[in-house]
N, C-alpha and C. Protein backbone atom coordinates (compact mmCIF):
# COMPACT_ATOMS: atom_id res chain seq x y z
N UNK A 1 2.93 10.47 45.59
CA UNK A 1 2.34 9.28 44.65
C UNK A 1 1.05 9.56 44.30
N UNK A 2 0.79 11.08 44.33
CA UNK A 2 -0.50 11.71 43.59
C UNK A 2 -0.26 12.11 42.54
N UNK A 3 1.31 12.39 42.19
CA UNK A 3 2.04 12.72 40.45
C UNK A 3 2.32 11.50 40.14
N UNK A 4 2.51 10.47 40.50
CA UNK A 4 2.90 9.07 39.55
C UNK A 4 1.67 8.89 39.25
N UNK A 5 0.48 8.78 40.19
CA UNK A 5 -0.93 8.26 39.70
C UNK A 5 -1.28 9.45 38.32
N UNK A 6 -1.13 10.77 38.73
CA UNK A 6 -1.89 11.24 37.30
C UNK A 6 -0.88 11.29 36.42
N UNK A 7 0.37 10.48 36.30
CA UNK A 7 1.24 10.15 34.87
C UNK A 7 0.79 9.35 34.28
N UNK A 8 0.25 8.34 35.74
CA UNK A 8 -0.25 6.94 34.52
C UNK A 8 -1.20 7.06 33.98
N UNK A 9 -2.05 7.62 34.79
CA UNK A 9 -3.95 7.94 33.66
C UNK A 9 -3.56 9.09 33.15
N UNK A 10 -2.62 10.29 32.67
CA UNK A 10 -2.31 10.60 31.78
C UNK A 10 -1.96 9.94 30.25
N UNK A 11 -0.47 9.00 30.64
CA UNK A 11 -0.25 8.29 29.90
C UNK A 11 -1.09 7.07 29.05
N UNK A 12 -1.97 6.68 30.41
CA UNK A 12 -3.32 5.95 29.66
C UNK A 12 -4.11 6.18 28.58
N UNK A 13 -4.26 7.68 28.79
CA UNK A 13 -5.43 8.57 27.90
C UNK A 13 -4.31 9.10 26.81
N UNK A 14 -3.43 9.69 26.84
CA UNK A 14 -2.62 10.34 25.61
C UNK A 14 -1.51 9.70 24.86
N UNK A 15 -1.11 8.52 25.73
CA UNK A 15 -0.85 7.31 24.71
C UNK A 15 -1.20 6.79 23.72
N UNK A 16 -2.42 6.32 23.67
CA UNK A 16 -3.18 6.19 22.21
C UNK A 16 -3.42 6.85 21.22
N UNK A 17 -4.22 8.88 21.70
CA UNK A 17 -4.18 9.43 21.02
C UNK A 17 -2.68 9.54 20.31
N UNK A 18 -2.11 10.04 20.86
CA UNK A 18 -0.20 10.00 20.11
C UNK A 18 -0.01 8.62 18.93
N UNK A 19 -0.08 7.21 19.72
CA UNK A 19 -0.26 6.30 18.56
C UNK A 19 -0.84 6.17 17.42
N UNK A 20 -1.94 6.79 17.75
CA UNK A 20 -2.94 6.77 16.32
C UNK A 20 -2.68 8.01 15.58
N UNK A 21 -2.20 9.57 15.96
CA UNK A 21 -1.38 10.42 15.59
C UNK A 21 -0.55 9.76 14.46
N UNK A 22 0.70 9.28 15.25
CA UNK A 22 1.36 8.69 14.31
C UNK A 22 1.48 8.10 13.31
N UNK A 23 0.05 6.79 13.70
CA UNK A 23 -0.22 6.09 12.38
C UNK A 23 -0.79 6.55 11.16
N UNK A 24 -1.83 7.92 11.66
CA UNK A 24 -2.06 8.66 10.78
C UNK A 24 -1.35 9.36 10.12
N UNK A 25 -0.28 9.70 10.50
CA UNK A 25 1.26 10.39 9.56
C UNK A 25 1.78 9.70 8.42
N UNK A 26 1.77 7.72 9.19
CA UNK A 26 2.06 7.23 8.07
C UNK A 26 1.68 6.83 6.62
N UNK A 27 0.29 6.69 7.31
CA UNK A 27 -0.99 6.45 6.11
C UNK A 27 -0.56 7.71 5.22
N UNK A 28 -0.79 9.01 5.52
CA UNK A 28 -0.60 9.95 4.58
C UNK A 28 0.91 9.67 4.02
N UNK A 29 2.00 9.87 4.61
CA UNK A 29 2.51 9.53 3.94
C UNK A 29 3.02 8.38 2.71
N UNK A 30 1.88 7.08 3.12
CA UNK A 30 1.97 6.06 2.21
C UNK A 30 1.04 6.72 0.75
N UNK A 31 0.08 7.46 1.46
CA UNK A 31 -0.95 7.68 0.65
C UNK A 31 -0.20 8.81 -0.46
N UNK A 32 0.72 9.65 -0.23
CA UNK A 32 1.10 10.40 -1.02
C UNK A 32 2.32 9.86 -1.68
N UNK A 33 3.16 8.88 -1.14
CA UNK A 33 3.83 7.99 -1.88
C UNK A 33 3.06 7.35 -3.49
N UNK A 34 2.21 6.94 -2.96
CA UNK A 34 1.27 5.97 -4.24
C UNK A 34 0.66 6.84 -5.05
N UNK A 35 0.19 8.43 -4.58
CA UNK A 35 -0.45 9.21 -5.72
C UNK A 35 0.79 9.36 -6.74
N UNK A 36 1.98 9.63 -6.18
CA UNK A 36 3.46 10.48 -6.96
C UNK A 36 3.81 8.85 -8.11
N UNK A 37 3.78 7.80 -7.17
CA UNK A 37 3.63 6.52 -8.20
C UNK A 37 3.10 6.31 -9.17
N UNK A 38 1.40 6.73 -8.67
CA UNK A 38 0.39 6.02 -10.07
C UNK A 38 0.89 7.37 -10.70
N UNK A 39 0.97 8.80 -10.96
CA UNK A 39 1.16 9.33 -11.39
C UNK A 39 2.60 9.08 -12.49
N UNK A 40 3.72 8.44 -11.70
CA UNK A 40 4.64 8.36 -12.70
C UNK A 40 4.44 7.10 -13.73
N UNK A 41 3.66 5.98 -13.39
CA UNK A 41 3.02 5.50 -13.95
C UNK A 41 2.12 5.50 -15.05
N UNK A 42 1.54 6.83 -14.71
CA UNK A 42 0.33 7.19 -16.21
C UNK A 42 1.04 7.87 -17.03
N UNK A 43 2.06 8.35 -16.46
CA UNK A 43 3.01 9.10 -17.47
C UNK A 43 4.07 8.30 -18.34
N UNK A 44 4.32 7.23 -17.55
CA UNK A 44 5.21 6.40 -18.43
C UNK A 44 4.36 5.46 -19.43
N UNK A 45 3.35 4.99 -19.25
CA UNK A 45 2.09 4.35 -19.77
C UNK A 45 1.32 5.24 -20.88
N UNK A 46 1.35 6.73 -20.56
CA UNK A 46 0.69 7.52 -21.03
C UNK A 46 -0.86 7.14 -21.27
N UNK A 47 -1.12 6.67 -19.85
CA UNK A 47 -2.67 6.86 -19.32
C UNK A 47 -2.69 5.87 -18.72
N UNK A 48 -4.19 5.71 -18.48
CA UNK A 48 -5.12 4.98 -17.35
C UNK A 48 -4.36 3.48 -17.73
N UNK A 49 -3.72 2.80 -17.00
CA UNK A 49 -4.00 0.92 -17.24
C UNK A 49 -4.54 0.14 -16.46
N UNK A 50 -4.35 -1.23 -16.45
CA UNK A 50 -4.91 -1.82 -15.28
C UNK A 50 -3.67 -2.56 -14.78
N UNK A 51 -2.50 -1.73 -14.54
CA UNK A 51 -1.53 -1.96 -13.52
C UNK A 51 -2.05 -1.46 -12.05
N UNK A 52 -1.96 -1.67 -10.95
CA UNK A 52 -2.65 -1.41 -9.69
C UNK A 52 -1.36 -0.95 -8.70
N UNK A 53 -1.87 -0.23 -8.12
CA UNK A 53 -0.51 0.13 -7.05
C UNK A 53 -0.66 0.19 -5.88
N UNK A 54 -0.08 -0.78 -4.59
CA UNK A 54 -0.92 -0.23 -3.46
C UNK A 54 0.17 -0.16 -2.62
N UNK A 55 0.41 1.12 -1.76
CA UNK A 55 1.31 1.07 -0.74
C UNK A 55 1.03 0.95 0.99
N UNK A 56 1.98 0.27 1.08
CA UNK A 56 1.64 0.26 2.71
C UNK A 56 2.56 0.82 3.27
N UNK A 57 2.22 1.67 4.84
CA UNK A 57 3.63 2.46 5.13
C UNK A 57 4.14 1.52 6.08
N UNK A 58 5.49 2.13 5.82
CA UNK A 58 6.71 1.48 7.06
C UNK A 58 6.28 1.84 8.17
N UNK A 59 6.72 0.47 8.72
CA UNK A 59 6.22 0.56 10.56
C UNK A 59 7.84 0.75 11.46
N UNK A 60 7.75 0.45 12.30
CA UNK A 60 9.27 0.05 13.73
C UNK A 60 9.91 -0.23 12.50
N UNK A 61 9.11 -1.76 12.60
CA UNK A 61 10.12 -3.03 12.41
C UNK A 61 10.26 -3.39 11.00
N UNK A 62 9.53 -2.74 10.12
CA UNK A 62 9.31 -3.40 8.49
C UNK A 62 9.16 -2.19 7.75
N UNK A 63 10.27 -2.11 6.23
CA UNK A 63 9.92 -1.40 5.76
C UNK A 63 8.63 -1.33 4.95
N UNK A 64 8.39 0.02 4.28
CA UNK A 64 7.46 0.04 3.65
C UNK A 64 7.37 -0.89 1.97
N UNK A 65 5.72 -0.94 1.58
CA UNK A 65 5.52 -1.83 0.73
C UNK A 65 4.98 -0.83 -0.46
N UNK A 66 5.69 -1.12 -1.35
CA UNK A 66 5.09 -0.43 -2.96
C UNK A 66 4.67 -2.08 -3.87
N UNK A 67 3.45 -2.16 -4.12
CA UNK A 67 3.16 -3.68 -4.44
C UNK A 67 2.56 -3.26 -5.94
N UNK A 68 2.81 -3.52 -6.90
CA UNK A 68 2.72 -3.57 -8.04
C UNK A 68 1.75 -4.47 -9.07
N UNK A 69 0.46 -4.96 -9.19
CA UNK A 69 -0.44 -6.14 -9.25
C UNK A 69 -0.95 -5.53 -10.76
N UNK A 70 -0.97 -6.80 -11.75
CA UNK A 70 -1.83 -6.47 -12.93
C UNK A 70 -2.47 -7.97 -13.45
N UNK A 71 -3.13 -8.09 -13.97
CA UNK A 71 -4.26 -9.43 -14.07
C UNK A 71 -3.11 -10.78 -15.01
N UNK A 72 -3.13 -11.79 -15.05
CA UNK A 72 -2.59 -12.73 -16.00
C UNK A 72 -2.63 -12.25 -17.04
N UNK A 73 -1.46 -12.12 -17.87
CA UNK A 73 -1.36 -12.09 -19.48
C UNK A 73 -0.69 -10.19 -19.57
N UNK A 74 -0.61 -9.51 -18.41
CA UNK A 74 -0.45 -7.91 -18.71
C UNK A 74 0.83 -7.89 -18.21
N UNK A 75 1.98 -9.03 -17.69
CA UNK A 75 3.05 -8.60 -16.54
C UNK A 75 4.02 -7.41 -17.55
N UNK A 76 3.90 -7.42 -19.04
CA UNK A 76 4.43 -6.47 -19.55
C UNK A 76 3.98 -4.98 -19.31
N UNK A 77 2.94 -4.38 -18.25
CA UNK A 77 3.09 -3.28 -18.01
C UNK A 77 3.36 -3.20 -16.86
N UNK A 78 4.26 -4.08 -16.64
CA UNK A 78 5.23 -3.84 -15.04
C UNK A 78 6.11 -3.65 -15.51
N UNK A 79 6.68 -4.45 -16.51
CA UNK A 79 8.05 -4.08 -17.11
C UNK A 79 8.49 -2.56 -17.78
N UNK A 80 7.11 -2.58 -18.29
CA UNK A 80 7.47 -1.06 -19.16
C UNK A 80 7.21 0.26 -18.10
N UNK A 81 6.45 0.14 -17.17
CA UNK A 81 6.49 0.92 -15.86
C UNK A 81 7.66 0.71 -15.03
N UNK A 82 8.03 -0.62 -14.67
CA UNK A 82 9.00 -0.56 -13.53
C UNK A 82 10.37 0.55 -13.42
N UNK A 83 10.70 1.07 -14.27
CA UNK A 83 11.43 2.55 -14.50
C UNK A 83 11.24 3.67 -13.86
N UNK A 84 10.13 3.72 -13.93
CA UNK A 84 9.51 4.95 -13.58
C UNK A 84 9.37 4.60 -12.16
N UNK A 85 8.37 3.35 -11.78
CA UNK A 85 8.44 3.33 -9.95
C UNK A 85 9.48 3.07 -9.30
N UNK A 86 10.52 2.55 -9.60
CA UNK A 86 11.95 1.92 -8.59
C UNK A 86 12.58 3.45 -8.79
N UNK A 87 12.42 4.40 -9.80
CA UNK A 87 13.11 5.93 -9.82
C UNK A 87 12.47 6.65 -8.59
N UNK A 88 11.18 6.04 -8.63
CA UNK A 88 10.04 7.31 -7.70
C UNK A 88 9.90 6.31 -6.43
N UNK A 89 10.55 5.33 -6.08
CA UNK A 89 10.50 4.90 -4.93
C UNK A 89 11.54 5.80 -3.89
N UNK A 90 10.82 5.93 -2.55
CA UNK A 90 11.97 6.26 -1.80
C UNK A 90 13.27 5.65 -0.67
N UNK A 91 13.30 6.06 -0.13
CA UNK A 91 14.42 5.08 0.69
C UNK A 91 13.64 4.47 1.57
N UNK A 92 13.63 3.07 2.30
CA UNK A 92 12.27 2.85 3.24
C UNK A 92 11.43 2.08 2.65
N UNK A 93 11.53 2.21 1.30
CA UNK A 93 10.37 1.49 0.61
C UNK A 93 11.42 0.36 0.04
N UNK A 94 9.95 -0.96 -0.10
CA UNK A 94 10.54 -2.03 -1.61
C UNK A 94 9.46 -1.69 -2.27
N UNK A 95 10.13 -2.27 -3.57
CA UNK A 95 8.89 -2.36 -4.36
C UNK A 95 8.81 -3.67 -5.02
N UNK A 96 7.42 -4.45 -4.85
CA UNK A 96 7.23 -5.68 -5.18
C UNK A 96 6.22 -6.03 -6.19
N UNK A 97 6.55 -6.90 -7.33
CA UNK A 97 5.37 -7.14 -7.81
C UNK A 97 4.28 -8.30 -7.66
N UNK A 98 3.15 -8.45 -7.45
CA UNK A 98 2.57 -9.26 -7.28
C UNK A 98 1.16 -9.57 -8.66
N UNK A 99 1.45 -10.53 -9.08
CA UNK A 99 0.37 -10.46 -9.87
C UNK A 99 -0.50 -11.10 -9.67
N UNK A 100 -1.89 -10.91 -9.60
CA UNK A 100 -3.14 -11.18 -10.09
C UNK A 100 -3.55 -12.38 -10.82
N UNK A 101 -4.37 -13.18 -10.58
CA UNK A 101 -5.22 -13.93 -11.86
C UNK A 101 -6.26 -13.25 -11.54
N UNK A 102 -6.96 -12.96 -13.05
CA UNK A 102 -8.09 -12.32 -13.46
C UNK A 102 -9.33 -13.11 -13.31
N UNK A 103 -9.48 -14.87 -13.46
CA UNK A 103 -10.48 -14.88 -12.33
C UNK A 103 -10.44 -15.07 -10.90
N UNK A 104 -10.02 -15.31 -9.95
CA UNK A 104 -10.14 -14.70 -8.74
C UNK A 104 -9.72 -13.53 -8.26
N UNK A 105 -10.55 -12.98 -7.33
CA UNK A 105 -10.20 -12.33 -6.43
C UNK A 105 -10.35 -12.19 -5.11
N UNK A 106 -9.65 -11.18 -3.90
CA UNK A 106 -9.36 -11.37 -2.68
C UNK A 106 -10.31 -10.74 -2.14
N UNK A 107 -10.38 -11.50 -0.95
CA UNK A 107 -11.61 -11.23 -0.01
C UNK A 107 -10.26 -10.27 1.03
N UNK A 108 -11.07 -9.71 2.16
CA UNK A 108 -10.42 -8.47 3.14
C UNK A 108 -9.40 -9.40 3.68
N UNK A 109 -10.08 -10.86 3.83
CA UNK A 109 -9.38 -12.02 5.01
C UNK A 109 -8.33 -12.50 3.77
N UNK A 110 -8.15 -12.26 3.10
CA UNK A 110 -6.98 -13.19 2.36
C UNK A 110 -7.56 -14.42 1.91
N UNK A 111 -8.54 -14.79 2.23
CA UNK A 111 -9.70 -15.95 1.39
C UNK A 111 -9.99 -15.78 -0.20
N UNK A 112 -9.23 -16.48 -1.13
CA UNK A 112 -9.77 -16.74 -2.23
C UNK A 112 -10.88 -17.04 -2.71
N UNK A 113 -11.49 -16.20 -3.34
CA UNK A 113 -13.04 -16.47 -3.79
C UNK A 113 -13.01 -16.66 -5.62
N UNK A 114 -13.57 -18.20 -5.84
CA UNK A 114 -13.66 -17.76 -7.53
C UNK A 114 -14.81 -17.15 -8.03
N UNK A 115 -14.21 -16.57 -9.41
CA UNK A 115 -16.05 -15.60 -10.12
C UNK A 115 -16.77 -16.70 -10.24
N UNK A 116 -18.04 -16.49 -9.92
CA UNK A 116 -18.88 -17.32 -10.54
C UNK A 116 -18.78 -16.71 -12.58
N UNK A 117 -18.67 -17.76 -13.53
CA UNK A 117 -19.06 -17.16 -14.53
C UNK A 117 -20.83 -17.64 -15.56
N UNK A 118 -20.84 -16.76 -15.50
CA UNK A 118 -22.01 -16.71 -16.77
C UNK A 118 -22.99 -17.38 -17.44
N UNK A 119 -23.71 -17.64 -17.01
CA UNK A 119 -24.34 -18.91 -17.84
C UNK A 119 -24.80 -18.08 -19.57
N UNK A 120 -24.32 -18.97 -20.14
CA UNK A 120 -24.88 -18.17 -21.61
C UNK A 120 -26.64 -18.41 -22.42
């Protein structure tokens, strides 16, 4: 009975630690993929651009995502960079295009907030 109690107590403390280590490794992998994709996009477009790259790590139940977004009117940047992005996407990651409206911004909670126009 003491061994069982010790195993359960150990799992209670070590389980979250090992879970966090696994999540940190997934985040580090996503950061490395994001850096590679940004470098490929910068080479393809010959410098920095308005193309934003966001990478979400894969989990046990869903694939990872490489999300490309640009302000409205700049969709041609995605078309120009698409071959470099899809060529550098590793297996287990999907490439998604999400257009942003230049007049709106997203809050961390997903709600849209309109930018206030300056009075001239």
